Amino acid sequence: MTRKISVDHLARVEGHGGITVFLDGNEISKVDFNIFEGIRLFEGLVRGRTIEDVTQIVSRICAICSTNHTVTSLHCLENALGITVTPQTRRLRDLAVQGANIESHSLHVFVLDLPDFMGHSSVISLAGVIPDAVKIALRLKKLGNLIQEVVGGRAVHPINHIIGGFGRVPTTDELIHLRDQVRLGLRDCESALEVLRTVPIPDFVSAPIHCAALIPEDEAFFFGNEVEIMDGKGRTRIPVRDYRKITNESIVPHSHAKHSRYKGQSYMVGALARLTINGDRIGGLARKAWKELGLTTPSSNIIMNNIAQVVEMIFSVEESLRLLDQMLDAGIVQESPAPYKVHACAGAAATEVPRGTLYYSYEIDANGRIAAADVITPTAQNLSNAEDQLRATVRQGLDAGASDSTLEQRLAMVGRAYDPCISCSVHVARV
């Protein structure tokens, strides 16, 4: 007897997708993470555009991730052109990325995922039970937006980031005010931790998770030139310029997004992967949250990615404060962007963004126009791994006698655990 278990529309995620599991009796024949989002042609859209225009275009790939796309695109252009930015520019960009992390993680953990943990259908009903927690989440999201606005000119689709630096360097007064707000945000993190200590963490699935993440460059946790893959056989490092050896994209019939596998195996990128590989760099209140919320790495429970996001959110607030103190102690310099000369070249770059590792690659012609572009997002890399975890969820649920309705709920929770940015996952494919 054949049947299917399906989540026709995966709610509380960015974009339009669903999950379908086909069974023959109690045997799983197929698991599909369906991505219904329309084909995105952004790599074709930037071909022929000038290097000065391209970053503003790609930031429109996603509103939630617009700062991350902006910064990664600029790093890619600068790597290709041989531009070295100043330490102040590096720190300001790092600060903007921390803001994006705070905004995204606070929204996902408290508004989109916490209702699952607490047995609620939405944050609206959850707010009737723990209103203070929802208020904390909204304040932290606002803080993340403020950081991005001060550095980038606006919170969504920033306009102040340009090749070699900034159109306008934030003033000392702006950064002092921002520091005051970040200090308040740190208090909110402490309050959030008080709430989360009492939240039960689902553990209905246990399956090995292979991880990939950038190796941090100096003190910049979300930037690096090498990516490390950790699987059951050990750890391997690969330069970012060779990112295609990792991503290995392929087309699948049930999705508008391509899938990635490394040496035939799925892998995960994102908060849990980063903390698994680079967790020894986490201290302060974030380390306290790590211990008190029961995070262990490596983990075989994909739901723990949400706990890893909490740890990272707190880390990003603490890191924002450190960066602001560092810049204000050194003194803000109203500097011009680094100069450059246009020439035919190519380059790649990667940045750790809320959902995982984001790769950019550009080929530039002698006139300073984009000859080719490649953008591989975290969600696209996670889809194959998500299907493996969905399969394990159904298999273990069936073995425990779970009903189809219970399995549907669990499938949705696993899908949401990756915090998928479905719109970002779809990019042009030649068939």
Protein backbone atom coordinates (compact mmCIF):
# COMPACT_ATOMS: atom_id res chain seq x y z
CA MET A 1 0.00 0.00 0.00
CA THR A 2 1.48 3.33 -1.06
CA ARG A 3 0.78 6.64 0.63
CA LYS A 4 2.37 10.01 1.17
CA ILE A 5 2.93 12.32 4.09
CA SER A 6 3.15 15.93 3.06
CA VAL A 7 3.57 19.46 4.28
CA ASP A 8 2.02 21.28 1.35
CA HIS A 9 3.21 24.68 2.48
CA LEU A 10 6.06 25.05 4.96
CA ALA A 11 4.94 27.96 7.11
CA ARG A 12 7.08 30.42 9.08
CA VAL A 13 10.00 30.40 6.65
CA GLU A 14 11.08 32.84 3.94
CA GLY A 15 9.75 31.78 0.54
CA HIS A 16 7.45 29.07 -0.79
CA GLY A 17 8.25 25.40 -0.29
CA GLY A 18 6.87 22.11 0.93
CA ILE A 19 7.85 18.58 1.96
CA THR A 20 6.59 15.29 0.51
CA VAL A 21 7.45 11.79 1.72
CA PHE A 22 6.36 8.78 -0.34
CA LEU A 23 5.95 5.44 1.42
CA ASP A 24 5.35 1.90 0.27
CA GLY A 25 3.89 0.37 3.39
CA ASN A 26 6.34 1.43 6.09
CA GLU A 27 9.23 1.70 3.64
CA ILE A 28 10.28 5.20 2.58
CA SER A 29 10.63 5.33 -1.19
CA LYS A 30 11.27 9.06 -1.69
CA VAL A 31 11.72 12.27 0.28
CA ASP A 32 11.39 15.63 -1.50
CA PHE A 33 12.03 19.09 -0.10
CA ASN A 34 10.04 20.91 -2.76
CA ILE A 35 11.08 24.45 -3.64
CA PHE A 36 8.27 26.16 -5.56
CA GLU A 37 9.80 29.62 -5.75
CA GLY A 38 9.96 30.92 -9.32
CA ILE A 39 13.24 30.69 -11.22
CA ARG A 40 15.58 33.51 -10.17
CA LEU A 41 17.80 34.84 -12.92
CA PHE A 42 19.93 37.24 -10.89
CA GLU A 43 23.25 35.92 -12.22
CA GLY A 44 22.06 36.64 -15.72
CA LEU A 45 20.74 40.05 -14.67
CA VAL A 46 24.17 41.25 -13.54
CA ARG A 47 26.03 40.04 -16.64
CA GLY A 48 27.16 43.11 -18.58
CA ARG A 49 26.60 45.48 -15.68
CA THR A 50 29.44 47.58 -14.28
CA ILE A 51 31.26 46.57 -11.12
CA GLU A 52 29.91 49.73 -9.46
CA ASP A 53 26.31 48.62 -10.16
CA VAL A 54 26.44 44.92 -9.43
CA THR A 55 26.39 44.96 -5.63
CA GLN A 56 23.24 47.06 -5.46
CA ILE A 57 21.55 44.56 -7.79
CA VAL A 58 22.52 41.40 -5.90
CA SER A 59 21.50 42.90 -2.56
CA ARG A 60 17.94 42.61 -3.92
CA ILE A 61 18.21 38.82 -3.96
CA CYS A 62 16.75 38.92 -0.46
CA ALA A 63 15.66 41.64 1.95
CA ILE A 64 16.50 39.63 5.07
CA CYS A 65 19.99 38.81 3.77
CA SER A 66 20.66 42.04 1.86
CA THR A 67 23.60 43.19 4.01
CA ASN A 68 25.19 39.75 3.72
CA HIS A 69 24.86 39.69 -0.07
CA THR A 70 26.24 43.24 -0.21
CA VAL A 71 29.33 42.56 1.87
CA THR A 72 30.12 39.22 0.19
CA SER A 73 29.71 40.74 -3.27
CA LEU A 74 32.12 43.56 -2.37
CA HIS A 75 34.68 41.13 -0.95
CA CYS A 76 34.48 39.16 -4.18
CA LEU A 77 35.00 42.25 -6.34
CA GLU A 78 37.89 43.41 -4.17
CA ASN A 79 39.55 40.00 -4.23
CA ALA A 80 39.33 40.02 -8.02
CA LEU A 81 40.64 43.58 -8.39
CA GLY A 82 43.39 43.19 -5.78
CA ILE A 83 41.97 45.85 -3.45
CA THR A 84 43.03 45.91 0.21
CA VAL A 85 40.63 47.79 2.47
CA THR A 86 41.60 49.49 5.71
CA PRO A 87 41.24 47.85 9.14
CA GLN A 88 38.47 50.33 9.93
CA THR A 89 36.51 49.27 6.84
CA ARG A 90 36.96 45.62 7.79
CA ARG A 91 35.64 46.28 11.29
CA LEU A 92 32.65 48.29 10.07
CA ARG A 93 31.70 45.55 7.64
CA ASP A 94 32.11 42.98 10.38
CA LEU A 95 29.83 45.10 12.56
CA ALA A 96 27.19 45.22 9.82
CA VAL A 97 27.30 41.44 9.47
CA GLN A 98 26.91 41.05 13.24
CA GLY A 99 23.83 43.24 13.01
CA ALA A 100 22.39 41.06 10.26
CA ASN A 101 23.01 38.01 12.43
CA ILE A 102 21.26 39.55 15.44
CA GLU A 103 18.27 40.57 13.34
CA SER A 104 17.88 37.23 11.58
CA HIS A 105 18.48 34.90 14.53
CA SER A 106 16.22 36.83 16.92
CA LEU A 107 13.40 36.72 14.37
CA HIS A 108 13.82 33.05 13.54
CA VAL A 109 14.33 31.64 17.03
CA PHE A 110 11.66 33.57 18.91
CA VAL A 111 9.04 34.37 16.25
CA LEU A 112 9.26 31.43 13.86
CA ASP A 113 10.60 28.46 15.84
CA LEU A 114 9.74 29.04 19.51
CA PRO A 115 6.02 28.49 18.83
CA ASP A 116 6.90 24.91 17.78
CA PHE A 117 8.79 24.28 21.00
CA MET A 118 5.98 25.68 23.15
CA GLY A 119 3.12 23.95 21.30
CA HIS A 120 1.71 27.07 19.64
CA SER A 121 0.67 27.61 16.04
CA SER A 122 2.08 31.13 15.79
CA VAL A 123 3.91 33.86 17.65
CA ILE A 124 0.59 35.64 18.14
CA SER A 125 -0.76 32.93 20.42
CA LEU A 126 2.69 32.57 22.01
CA ALA A 127 2.68 36.27 22.87
CA GLY A 128 -0.41 35.70 24.97
CA VAL A 129 1.58 33.31 27.18
CA ILE A 130 5.09 34.81 27.28
CA PRO A 131 4.69 38.40 26.01
CA ASP A 132 7.99 39.55 27.51
CA ALA A 133 9.95 37.03 25.44
CA VAL A 134 8.33 38.26 22.23
CA LYS A 135 9.07 41.87 23.19
CA ILE A 136 12.72 40.95 23.81
CA ALA A 137 12.92 39.33 20.39
CA LEU A 138 11.47 42.38 18.66
CA ARG A 139 13.87 44.70 20.49
CA LEU A 140 16.84 42.54 19.46
CA LYS A 141 15.63 42.48 15.86
CA LYS A 142 15.35 46.27 15.98
CA LEU A 143 18.90 46.45 17.33
CA GLY A 144 20.18 44.33 14.45
CA ASN A 145 18.41 46.60 12.01
CA LEU A 146 19.85 49.70 13.69
CA ILE A 147 23.41 48.37 13.39
CA GLN A 148 22.91 47.71 9.68
CA GLU A 149 21.35 51.14 9.21
CA VAL A 150 24.17 53.05 10.95
CA VAL A 151 26.84 51.27 8.89
CA GLY A 152 25.00 50.73 5.62
CA GLY A 153 22.79 53.81 5.37
CA ARG A 154 19.60 51.82 5.76
CA ALA A 155 18.57 48.54 7.33
CA VAL A 156 17.45 46.82 4.12
CA HIS A 157 19.34 46.95 0.80
CA PRO A 158 22.16 49.13 2.19
CA ILE A 159 23.49 51.96 0.04
CA ASN A 160 26.59 53.09 1.96
CA HIS A 161 28.79 50.04 1.25
CA ILE A 162 30.89 50.59 -1.88
CA ILE A 163 33.98 49.07 -3.47
CA GLY A 164 36.99 49.80 -1.26
CA GLY A 165 35.09 51.22 1.70
CA PHE A 166 32.09 53.43 2.38
CA GLY A 167 30.33 56.36 0.77
CA ARG A 168 30.24 57.93 4.23
CA VAL A 169 31.99 56.72 7.34
CA PRO A 170 29.67 56.72 10.39
CA THR A 171 30.49 59.52 12.81
CA THR A 172 31.85 59.09 16.31
CA ASP A 173 28.56 60.31 17.79
CA GLU A 174 26.58 57.78 15.77
CA LEU A 175 28.78 54.94 16.96
CA ILE A 176 28.65 56.11 20.59
CA HIS A 177 24.84 56.10 20.44
CA LEU A 178 24.91 52.69 18.78
CA ARG A 179 27.19 51.37 21.53
CA ASP A 180 24.65 52.48 24.14
CA GLN A 181 21.94 50.56 22.29
CA VAL A 182 24.12 47.44 22.02
CA ARG A 183 24.70 47.53 25.79
CA LEU A 184 20.92 47.51 26.26
CA GLY A 185 20.76 44.63 23.80
CA LEU A 186 23.18 42.65 25.95
CA ARG A 187 20.73 43.00 28.87
CA ASP A 188 17.98 41.69 26.60
CA CYS A 189 20.17 38.69 25.78
CA GLU A 190 20.44 37.91 29.49
CA SER A 191 16.65 38.14 29.81
CA ALA A 192 16.18 35.94 26.74
CA LEU A 193 18.42 33.31 28.28
CA GLU A 194 16.24 33.30 31.40
CA VAL A 195 13.22 32.44 29.23
CA LEU A 196 14.96 29.85 27.08
CA ARG A 197 16.27 27.87 30.06
CA THR A 198 12.71 26.63 30.62
CA VAL A 199 11.97 25.67 27.00
CA PRO A 200 11.97 21.93 26.17
CA ILE A 201 14.11 20.96 23.16
CA PRO A 202 12.53 18.33 20.90
CA ASP A 203 14.70 15.25 20.34
CA PHE A 204 12.61 13.07 18.03
CA VAL A 205 15.36 12.68 15.43
CA SER A 206 18.97 11.56 15.76
CA ALA A 207 21.17 11.26 12.67
CA PRO A 208 24.79 12.13 11.83
CA ILE A 209 25.31 15.68 10.57
CA HIS A 210 28.33 16.51 8.40
CA CYS A 211 29.33 20.16 8.74
CA ALA A 212 31.08 22.85 6.69
CA ALA A 213 32.13 26.35 7.76
CA LEU A 214 34.73 29.01 7.09
CA ILE A 215 37.80 29.07 9.29
CA PRO A 216 37.70 32.55 10.88
CA GLU A 217 40.18 35.13 9.66
CA ASP A 218 41.91 36.66 12.68
CA GLU A 219 39.18 37.80 15.10
CA ALA A 220 36.49 38.05 12.41
CA PHE A 221 34.31 35.01 13.15
CA PHE A 222 32.20 35.25 9.99
CA PHE A 223 35.02 35.84 7.47
CA GLY A 224 37.72 33.54 6.14
CA ASN A 225 39.65 32.30 3.13
CA GLU A 226 39.35 28.57 3.81
CA VAL A 227 36.36 26.34 4.41
CA GLU A 228 36.57 23.26 6.60
CA ILE A 229 34.50 20.13 5.98
CA MET A 230 33.94 17.80 8.92
CA ASP A 231 32.51 14.37 8.22
CA GLY A 232 32.79 10.94 9.77
CA LYS A 233 36.29 10.53 8.34
CA GLY A 234 37.87 13.69 9.73
CA ARG A 235 38.38 17.30 8.68
CA THR A 236 39.44 18.73 5.31
CA ARG A 237 40.26 22.34 4.43
CA ILE A 238 39.71 23.82 0.99
CA PRO A 239 40.50 27.38 -0.18
CA VAL A 240 37.42 29.49 -0.89
CA ARG A 241 38.61 30.01 -4.47
CA ASP A 242 38.02 26.27 -4.96
CA TYR A 243 34.48 26.40 -3.54
CA ARG A 244 33.04 24.35 -6.41
CA LYS A 245 34.88 21.31 -5.05
CA ILE A 246 32.60 21.58 -2.02
CA THR A 247 29.29 22.74 -3.44
CA ASN A 248 29.09 20.39 -6.47
CA GLU A 249 25.66 21.65 -7.51
CA SER A 250 23.27 19.39 -9.39
CA ILE A 251 19.73 19.72 -10.66
CA VAL A 252 16.95 17.69 -9.02
CA PRO A 253 13.53 17.19 -10.66
CA HIS A 254 11.36 18.19 -7.70
CA SER A 255 12.93 21.56 -6.92
CA HIS A 256 13.75 24.86 -8.57
CA ALA A 257 16.86 24.96 -6.39
CA LYS A 258 19.95 22.89 -7.10
CA HIS A 259 21.43 20.55 -4.48
CA SER A 260 24.99 20.33 -3.18
CA ARG A 261 26.91 17.26 -2.04
CA TYR A 262 30.57 16.92 -1.07
CA LYS A 263 32.09 13.63 -2.22
CA GLY A 264 28.63 12.17 -2.56
CA GLN A 265 27.54 13.16 0.95
CA SER A 266 25.19 15.89 2.06
CA TYR A 267 26.51 18.50 4.46
CA MET A 268 25.13 21.26 6.62
CA VAL A 269 26.09 24.92 6.85
CA GLY A 270 24.77 27.38 9.42
CA ALA A 271 24.99 28.15 13.13
CA LEU A 272 25.26 24.54 14.29
CA ALA A 273 27.97 23.80 11.72
CA ARG A 274 29.93 26.92 12.66
CA LEU A 275 29.85 26.15 16.37
CA THR A 276 30.78 22.53 15.71
CA ILE A 277 33.88 23.59 13.79
CA ASN A 278 34.79 26.90 15.45
CA GLY A 279 33.06 26.74 18.83
CA ASP A 280 36.32 27.08 20.77
CA ARG A 281 36.26 30.78 19.83
CA ILE A 282 33.02 31.43 21.71
CA GLY A 283 33.23 32.93 25.20
CA GLY A 284 31.41 35.35 27.49
CA LEU A 285 27.64 35.27 27.87
CA ALA A 286 27.40 33.27 24.64
CA ARG A 287 29.44 30.45 26.20
CA LYS A 288 27.23 30.61 29.28
CA ALA A 289 24.16 30.22 27.03
CA TRP A 290 25.87 27.30 25.26
CA LYS A 291 26.26 25.44 28.57
CA GLU A 292 22.93 26.34 30.14
CA LEU A 293 20.90 25.45 27.04
CA GLY A 294 22.56 22.04 26.75
CA LEU A 295 24.28 22.48 23.39
CA THR A 296 26.81 19.75 22.62
CA THR A 297 28.89 19.45 19.45
CA PRO A 298 28.94 17.55 17.27
CA SER A 299 25.19 17.10 17.56
CA SER A 300 22.97 14.51 15.91
CA ASN A 301 19.78 16.50 16.61
CA ILE A 302 19.18 19.02 13.82
CA ILE A 303 16.71 20.94 16.03
CA MET A 304 19.75 22.06 18.04
CA ASN A 305 20.56 24.41 15.16
CA ASN A 306 18.04 26.74 16.77
CA ILE A 307 19.93 26.64 20.06
CA ALA A 308 23.14 27.30 18.16
CA GLN A 309 21.42 30.36 16.67
CA VAL A 310 20.67 31.63 20.18
CA VAL A 311 24.35 31.25 21.11
CA GLU A 312 25.40 33.05 17.94
CA MET A 313 22.86 35.83 18.47
CA ILE A 314 24.31 36.54 21.91
CA PHE A 315 27.84 36.25 20.51
CA SER A 316 26.99 38.82 17.82
CA VAL A 317 25.72 41.31 20.41
CA GLU A 318 28.90 40.85 22.45
CA GLU A 319 31.06 41.05 19.32
CA SER A 320 29.29 44.23 18.20
CA LEU A 321 30.17 45.82 21.52
CA ARG A 322 33.79 44.70 21.18
CA LEU A 323 34.05 46.11 17.66
CA LEU A 324 32.50 49.43 18.68
CA ASP A 325 34.82 49.75 21.68
CA GLN A 326 37.80 48.94 19.47
CA MET A 327 36.90 51.51 16.82
CA LEU A 328 36.00 54.25 19.27
CA ASP A 329 39.19 53.70 21.27
CA ALA A 330 41.24 53.93 18.06
CA GLY A 331 39.32 56.99 16.85
CA ILE A 332 37.07 57.13 13.80
CA VAL A 333 38.86 58.27 10.63
CA GLN A 334 36.83 59.92 7.86
CA GLU A 335 38.72 58.04 5.17
CA SER A 336 38.14 57.66 1.44
CA PRO A 337 37.54 54.28 -0.22
CA ALA A 338 40.65 52.38 -1.35
CA PRO A 339 41.59 53.26 -4.96
CA TYR A 340 41.57 50.68 -7.73
CA LYS A 341 42.16 50.31 -11.45
CA VAL A 342 39.76 48.33 -13.63
CA HIS A 343 41.24 45.34 -15.49
CA ALA A 344 40.22 41.88 -16.66
CA CYS A 345 40.23 39.59 -13.63
CA ALA A 346 38.29 37.03 -11.62
CA GLY A 347 37.80 36.30 -7.95
CA ALA A 348 35.75 34.50 -5.34
CA ALA A 349 34.77 35.21 -1.74
CA ALA A 350 32.72 33.67 1.04
CA THR A 351 31.08 35.00 4.17
CA GLU A 352 29.31 33.23 7.00
CA VAL A 353 25.76 34.57 7.02
CA PRO A 354 22.87 33.62 9.34
CA ARG A 355 21.95 30.49 7.40
CA GLY A 356 25.48 29.35 6.53
CA THR A 357 28.27 29.94 4.05
CA LEU A 358 27.51 32.29 1.15
CA TYR A 359 29.77 32.04 -1.92
CA TYR A 360 30.25 34.64 -4.65
CA SER A 361 32.34 34.43 -7.81
CA TYR A 362 32.77 37.09 -10.50
CA GLU A 363 34.60 37.31 -13.81
CA ILE A 364 35.28 40.93 -14.83
CA ASP A 365 36.22 42.11 -18.31
CA ALA A 366 38.74 44.81 -19.23
CA ASN A 367 35.98 47.45 -19.27
CA GLY A 368 34.95 46.75 -15.69
CA ARG A 369 31.79 44.84 -16.55
CA ILE A 370 30.63 41.51 -15.18
CA ALA A 371 31.35 38.74 -17.69
CA ALA A 372 30.08 35.90 -15.45
CA ALA A 373 28.70 35.49 -11.95
CA ASP A 374 27.99 32.62 -9.60
CA VAL A 375 26.17 32.87 -6.27
CA ILE A 376 25.63 29.81 -4.07
CA THR A 377 23.57 30.38 -0.98
CA PRO A 378 23.45 28.45 2.30
CA THR A 379 19.90 27.17 1.81
CA ALA A 380 20.82 25.66 -1.56
CA GLN A 381 23.68 23.81 0.13
CA ASN A 382 21.44 22.65 2.99
CA LEU A 383 18.62 21.14 0.93
CA SER A 384 20.24 17.76 0.36
CA ASN A 385 21.14 17.49 4.04
CA ALA A 386 17.61 18.52 4.98
CA GLU A 387 16.21 15.66 2.92
CA ASP A 388 18.48 13.21 4.74
CA GLN A 389 17.27 14.55 8.10
CA LEU A 390 13.64 14.43 6.95
CA ARG A 391 14.10 10.81 5.95
CA ALA A 392 15.57 9.99 9.38
CA THR A 393 12.68 11.82 11.06
CA VAL A 394 10.10 9.67 9.28
CA ARG A 395 12.04 6.43 9.74
CA GLN A 396 12.53 6.94 13.47
CA GLY A 397 8.96 8.18 13.88
CA LEU A 398 7.50 5.14 12.14
CA ASP A 399 9.62 2.84 14.27
CA ALA A 400 8.22 4.55 17.37
CA GLY A 401 4.63 4.27 16.13
CA ALA A 402 4.07 7.98 15.41
CA SER A 403 0.91 8.91 13.52
CA ASP A 404 0.97 10.59 10.12
CA SER A 405 -0.20 13.89 11.64
CA THR A 406 2.62 13.76 14.19
CA LEU A 407 5.11 13.06 11.42
CA GLU A 408 3.82 16.05 9.46
CA GLN A 409 4.44 18.29 12.46
CA ARG A 410 7.93 16.88 12.91
CA LEU A 411 8.76 17.28 9.22
CA ALA A 412 7.77 20.95 9.38
CA MET A 413 9.93 21.46 12.49
CA VAL A 414 12.96 19.89 10.81
CA GLY A 415 12.43 22.03 7.71
CA ARG A 416 12.20 25.17 9.83
CA ALA A 417 15.24 24.17 11.90
CA TYR A 418 17.45 25.05 8.93
CA ASP A 419 15.91 28.55 8.83
CA PRO A 420 15.64 28.24 5.04
CA CYS A 421 15.76 31.35 2.88
CA ILE A 422 13.96 29.72 -0.02
CA SER A 423 13.98 32.72 -2.36
CA CYS A 424 17.76 32.94 -2.10
CA SER A 425 18.17 29.23 -2.88
CA VAL A 426 16.97 29.38 -6.47
CA HIS A 427 19.41 30.53 -9.12
CA VAL A 428 19.77 30.12 -12.86
CA ALA A 429 20.48 26.67 -14.27
CA ARG A 430 21.40 25.62 -17.80
CA VAL A 431 19.48 22.50 -18.77
